[in-house]
């Protein structure tokens, strides 16, 4: 995890993320099959007061949790609740790097629960995802590996 301190960095990061999103939308991704519990969190998932449900898949070796202003590098794959993959850094062949506070609220909350090396599945209710304002709508499921 790296902290972002430079003023004006947000504009540069926005352009980089926008370019990556644009490239991802025009590239056909290798589909990663959804987990068996994609439609709903199992009894082994923990739920936060916001409605986010998560399950640790692999424990990490780190001790520190990312802060809102940190820059993180992750591998992640996202599916809709019916199992359709809509994004994957793994399929693109390159981890994603971004500020913790510049992603979906549920993704931000999940990252702050994690430590480096951890892999976690998260079920984001619609209010912690795109809030029904854009596709994909509804609950989203992510597998996230916190690399740095």
C-alpha atoms as a PDB file:
ATOM      1  CA  UNK A   1       0.000   0.000   0.000  1.00  0.00           C
ATOM      2  CA  UNK A   2       1.262   3.414  -0.878  1.00  0.00           C
ATOM      3  CA  UNK A   3      -0.134   6.719   0.295  1.00  0.00           C
ATOM      4  CA  UNK A   4      -1.195   9.329  -2.226  1.00  0.00           C
ATOM      5  CA  UNK A   5       0.014  12.779  -1.207  1.00  0.00           C
ATOM      6  CA  UNK A   6       0.309  14.827  -4.378  1.00  0.00           C
ATOM      7  CA  UNK A   7      -2.360  17.358  -5.202  1.00  0.00           C
ATOM      8  CA  UNK A   8      -3.488  16.950  -8.790  1.00  0.00           C
ATOM      9  CA  UNK A   9      -2.721  13.231  -8.747  1.00  0.00           C
ATOM     10  CA  UNK A  10      -6.480  12.547  -8.765  1.00  0.00           C
ATOM     11  CA  UNK A  11      -6.829  13.995 -12.264  1.00  0.00           C
ATOM     12  CA  UNK A  12      -3.962  11.869 -13.548  1.00  0.00           C
ATOM     13  CA  UNK A  13      -5.325   8.746 -11.876  1.00  0.00           C
ATOM     14  CA  UNK A  14      -8.785   9.470 -13.260  1.00  0.00           C
ATOM     15  CA  UNK A  15      -7.379   9.633 -16.796  1.00  0.00           C
ATOM     16  CA  UNK A  16      -5.436   6.384 -16.271  1.00  0.00           C
ATOM     17  CA  UNK A  17      -8.480   4.608 -14.823  1.00  0.00           C
ATOM     18  CA  UNK A  18     -10.684   5.982 -17.596  1.00  0.00           C
ATOM     19  CA  UNK A  19      -8.249   4.697 -20.240  1.00  0.00           C
ATOM     20  CA  UNK A  20      -8.096   1.292 -18.536  1.00  0.00           C
ATOM     21  CA  UNK A  21     -11.891   1.139 -18.350  1.00  0.00           C
ATOM     22  CA  UNK A  22     -12.201   2.113 -21.986  1.00  0.00           C
ATOM     23  CA  UNK A  23      -9.688  -0.549 -23.017  1.00  0.00           C
ATOM     24  CA  UNK A  24     -11.460  -3.145 -20.886  1.00  0.00           C
ATOM     25  CA  UNK A  25     -14.791  -2.322 -22.526  1.00  0.00           C
ATOM     26  CA  UNK A  26     -13.377  -2.937 -25.999  1.00  0.00           C
ATOM     27  CA  UNK A  27     -11.429  -6.073 -25.084  1.00  0.00           C
ATOM     28  CA  UNK A  28     -13.045  -9.485 -24.870  1.00  0.00           C
ATOM     29  CA  UNK A  29     -12.156 -10.898 -21.476  1.00  0.00           C
ATOM     30  CA  UNK A  30     -11.556 -14.553 -20.744  1.00  0.00           C
ATOM     31  CA  UNK A  31     -14.550 -15.502 -18.619  1.00  0.00           C
ATOM     32  CA  UNK A  32     -13.754 -16.751 -15.134  1.00  0.00           C
ATOM     33  CA  UNK A  33     -16.507 -19.036 -13.799  1.00  0.00           C
ATOM     34  CA  UNK A  34     -18.429 -17.650 -10.828  1.00  0.00           C
ATOM     35  CA  UNK A  35     -18.085 -19.171  -7.372  1.00  0.00           C
ATOM     36  CA  UNK A  36     -20.805 -21.599  -6.289  1.00  0.00           C
ATOM     37  CA  UNK A  37     -22.105 -19.079  -3.728  1.00  0.00           C
ATOM     38  CA  UNK A  38     -22.333 -16.155  -6.167  1.00  0.00           C
ATOM     39  CA  UNK A  39     -26.089 -15.679  -5.685  1.00  0.00           C
ATOM     40  CA  UNK A  40     -25.922 -15.129  -1.906  1.00  0.00           C
ATOM     41  CA  UNK A  41     -23.374 -15.179   0.904  1.00  0.00           C
ATOM     42  CA  UNK A  42     -23.168 -18.420   2.844  1.00  0.00           C
ATOM     43  CA  UNK A  43     -23.419 -18.846   6.599  1.00  0.00           C
ATOM     44  CA  UNK A  44     -19.613 -18.659   6.777  1.00  0.00           C
ATOM     45  CA  UNK A  45     -19.637 -15.029   5.545  1.00  0.00           C
ATOM     46  CA  UNK A  46     -19.383 -12.087   7.947  1.00  0.00           C
ATOM     47  CA  UNK A  47     -21.779  -9.184   7.564  1.00  0.00           C
ATOM     48  CA  UNK A  48     -21.076  -5.557   8.452  1.00  0.00           C
ATOM     49  CA  UNK A  49     -23.618  -2.987   9.640  1.00  0.00           C
ATOM     50  CA  UNK A  50     -23.690  -1.480   6.115  1.00  0.00           C
ATOM     51  CA  UNK A  51     -24.957  -4.765   4.642  1.00  0.00           C
ATOM     52  CA  UNK A  52     -21.640  -5.827   3.112  1.00  0.00           C
ATOM     53  CA  UNK A  53     -20.957  -9.565   3.417  1.00  0.00           C
ATOM     54  CA  UNK A  54     -17.427 -10.957   3.077  1.00  0.00           C
ATOM     55  CA  UNK A  55     -15.587 -14.229   3.452  1.00  0.00           C
ATOM     56  CA  UNK A  56     -11.828 -14.700   3.763  1.00  0.00           C
ATOM     57  CA  UNK A  57     -10.654 -17.211   1.140  1.00  0.00           C
ATOM     58  CA  UNK A  58      -6.921 -16.999   1.908  1.00  0.00           C
ATOM     59  CA  UNK A  59      -5.366 -15.300   4.909  1.00  0.00           C
ATOM     60  CA  UNK A  60      -2.761 -12.653   4.282  1.00  0.00           C
ATOM     61  CA  UNK A  61       0.603 -12.175   5.949  1.00  0.00           C
ATOM     62  CA  UNK A  62       0.281  -8.436   6.367  1.00  0.00           C
ATOM     63  CA  UNK A  63      -0.734  -6.634   9.534  1.00  0.00           C
ATOM     64  CA  UNK A  64      -1.856  -3.228   8.263  1.00  0.00           C
ATOM     65  CA  UNK A  65      -5.246  -2.467   6.731  1.00  0.00           C
ATOM     66  CA  UNK A  66      -5.435   0.017   3.847  1.00  0.00           C
ATOM     67  CA  UNK A  67      -6.556   3.538   4.712  1.00  0.00           C
ATOM     68  CA  UNK A  68      -8.831   5.631   2.497  1.00  0.00           C
ATOM     69  CA  UNK A  69      -5.911   7.663   1.107  1.00  0.00           C
ATOM     70  CA  UNK A  70      -3.730   4.625   0.312  1.00  0.00           C
ATOM     71  CA  UNK A  71      -2.966   3.431  -3.191  1.00  0.00           C
ATOM     72  CA  UNK A  72      -3.516  -0.339  -3.479  1.00  0.00           C
ATOM     73  CA  UNK A  73      -2.766  -2.995  -6.080  1.00  0.00           C
ATOM     74  CA  UNK A  74      -5.251  -5.851  -6.403  1.00  0.00           C
ATOM     75  CA  UNK A  75      -6.318  -8.721  -8.549  1.00  0.00           C
ATOM     76  CA  UNK A  76     -10.089  -8.824  -8.715  1.00  0.00           C
ATOM     77  CA  UNK A  77     -12.954 -10.413 -10.577  1.00  0.00           C
ATOM     78  CA  UNK A  78     -16.549  -9.206 -10.422  1.00  0.00           C
ATOM     79  CA  UNK A  79     -19.804 -11.034 -11.175  1.00  0.00           C
ATOM     80  CA  UNK A  80     -23.467 -10.167 -11.052  1.00  0.00           C
ATOM     81  CA  UNK A  81     -25.612 -12.241  -8.677  1.00  0.00           C
ATOM     82  CA  UNK A  82     -26.673 -14.453 -11.600  1.00  0.00           C
ATOM     83  CA  UNK A  83     -23.034 -15.362 -12.314  1.00  0.00           C
ATOM     84  CA  UNK A  84     -22.174 -13.107 -15.259  1.00  0.00           C
ATOM     85  CA  UNK A  85     -18.595 -11.846 -15.072  1.00  0.00           C
ATOM     86  CA  UNK A  86     -18.364  -8.126 -15.858  1.00  0.00           C
ATOM     87  CA  UNK A  87     -14.765  -7.317 -14.935  1.00  0.00           C
ATOM     88  CA  UNK A  88     -11.493  -9.088 -14.151  1.00  0.00           C
ATOM     89  CA  UNK A  89      -7.943  -7.849 -13.768  1.00  0.00           C
ATOM     90  CA  UNK A  90      -6.927 -11.508 -13.982  1.00  0.00           C
ATOM     91  CA  UNK A  91      -8.517 -11.829 -17.434  1.00  0.00           C
ATOM     92  CA  UNK A  92      -6.759  -8.635 -18.516  1.00  0.00           C
ATOM     93  CA  UNK A  93      -3.484 -10.136 -17.288  1.00  0.00           C
ATOM     94  CA  UNK A  94      -2.585  -7.169 -15.120  1.00  0.00           C
ATOM     95  CA  UNK A  95      -3.440  -6.202 -11.527  1.00  0.00           C
ATOM     96  CA  UNK A  96      -5.317  -2.961 -10.953  1.00  0.00           C
ATOM     97  CA  UNK A  97      -3.868  -0.073  -8.932  1.00  0.00           C
ATOM     98  CA  UNK A  98      -6.059   2.693  -7.542  1.00  0.00           C
ATOM     99  CA  UNK A  99      -6.749   4.800  -4.434  1.00  0.00           C
ATOM    100  CA  UNK A 100      -8.909   2.994  -1.869  1.00  0.00           C
ATOM    101  CA  UNK A 101     -11.400   5.878  -1.807  1.00  0.00           C
ATOM    102  CA  UNK A 102     -11.933   5.950  -5.604  1.00  0.00           C
ATOM    103  CA  UNK A 103     -13.908   2.716  -6.035  1.00  0.00           C
ATOM    104  CA  UNK A 104     -17.380   1.468  -5.157  1.00  0.00           C
ATOM    105  CA  UNK A 105     -18.294   2.025  -1.495  1.00  0.00           C
ATOM    106  CA  UNK A 106     -18.549  -1.727  -0.838  1.00  0.00           C
ATOM    107  CA  UNK A 107     -15.196  -2.337  -2.537  1.00  0.00           C
ATOM    108  CA  UNK A 108     -13.624   0.388  -0.379  1.00  0.00           C
ATOM    109  CA  UNK A 109     -15.119  -1.149   2.761  1.00  0.00           C
ATOM    110  CA  UNK A 110     -13.859  -4.606   1.779  1.00  0.00           C
ATOM    111  CA  UNK A 111     -10.329  -3.336   1.114  1.00  0.00           C
ATOM    112  CA  UNK A 112     -10.211  -1.732   4.556  1.00  0.00           C
ATOM    113  CA  UNK A 113     -10.968  -5.127   6.141  1.00  0.00           C
ATOM    114  CA  UNK A 114      -8.073  -6.800   4.319  1.00  0.00           C
ATOM    115  CA  UNK A 115      -4.313  -7.153   4.805  1.00  0.00           C
ATOM    116  CA  UNK A 116      -1.649  -7.659   2.122  1.00  0.00           C
ATOM    117  CA  UNK A 117      -1.684 -11.188   0.743  1.00  0.00           C
ATOM    118  CA  UNK A 118      -5.323 -11.776   1.669  1.00  0.00           C
ATOM    119  CA  UNK A 119      -7.930 -13.014  -0.765  1.00  0.00           C
ATOM    120  CA  UNK A 120     -11.547 -12.277   0.088  1.00  0.00           C
ATOM    121  CA  UNK A 121     -14.975 -12.671  -1.541  1.00  0.00           C
ATOM    122  CA  UNK A 122     -17.400  -9.778  -1.068  1.00  0.00           C
ATOM    123  CA  UNK A 123     -21.119  -9.481  -1.737  1.00  0.00           C
ATOM    124  CA  UNK A 124     -21.957  -5.814  -2.311  1.00  0.00           C
ATOM    125  CA  UNK A 125     -25.635  -4.961  -1.979  1.00  0.00           C
ATOM    126  CA  UNK A 126     -26.832  -2.542  -4.650  1.00  0.00           C
ATOM    127  CA  UNK A 127     -26.594   0.467  -2.289  1.00  0.00           C
ATOM    128  CA  UNK A 128     -22.842  -0.261  -1.857  1.00  0.00           C
ATOM    129  CA  UNK A 129     -22.316  -0.847  -5.582  1.00  0.00           C
ATOM    130  CA  UNK A 130     -23.718   1.293  -8.421  1.00  0.00           C
ATOM    131  CA  UNK A 131     -26.945   2.164  -6.523  1.00  0.00           C
ATOM    132  CA  UNK A 132     -29.059   1.162  -9.535  1.00  0.00           C
ATOM    133  CA  UNK A 133     -27.708   4.167 -11.450  1.00  0.00           C
ATOM    134  CA  UNK A 134     -25.822   2.142 -14.078  1.00  0.00           C
ATOM    135  CA  UNK A 135     -25.132  -1.424 -15.140  1.00  0.00           C
ATOM    136  CA  UNK A 136     -24.507  -3.847 -13.709  1.00  0.00           C
ATOM    137  CA  UNK A 137     -27.421  -3.310 -11.355  1.00  0.00           C
ATOM    138  CA  UNK A 138     -28.242  -5.254  -8.213  1.00  0.00           C
ATOM    139  CA  UNK A 139     -25.894  -7.100  -5.904  1.00  0.00           C
ATOM    140  CA  UNK A 140     -22.332  -7.543  -7.147  1.00  0.00           C
ATOM    141  CA  UNK A 141     -19.855 -10.196  -6.045  1.00  0.00           C
ATOM    142  CA  UNK A 142     -16.094  -9.676  -6.091  1.00  0.00           C
ATOM    143  CA  UNK A 143     -13.086 -11.826  -5.381  1.00  0.00           C
ATOM    144  CA  UNK A 144     -10.284  -9.522  -4.336  1.00  0.00           C
ATOM    145  CA  UNK A 145      -6.632 -10.324  -3.678  1.00  0.00           C
ATOM    146  CA  UNK A 146      -4.748  -7.468  -1.984  1.00  0.00           C
ATOM    147  CA  UNK A 147      -1.268  -7.521  -3.527  1.00  0.00           C
ATOM    148  CA  UNK A 148       0.129  -4.227  -2.204  1.00  0.00           C
END
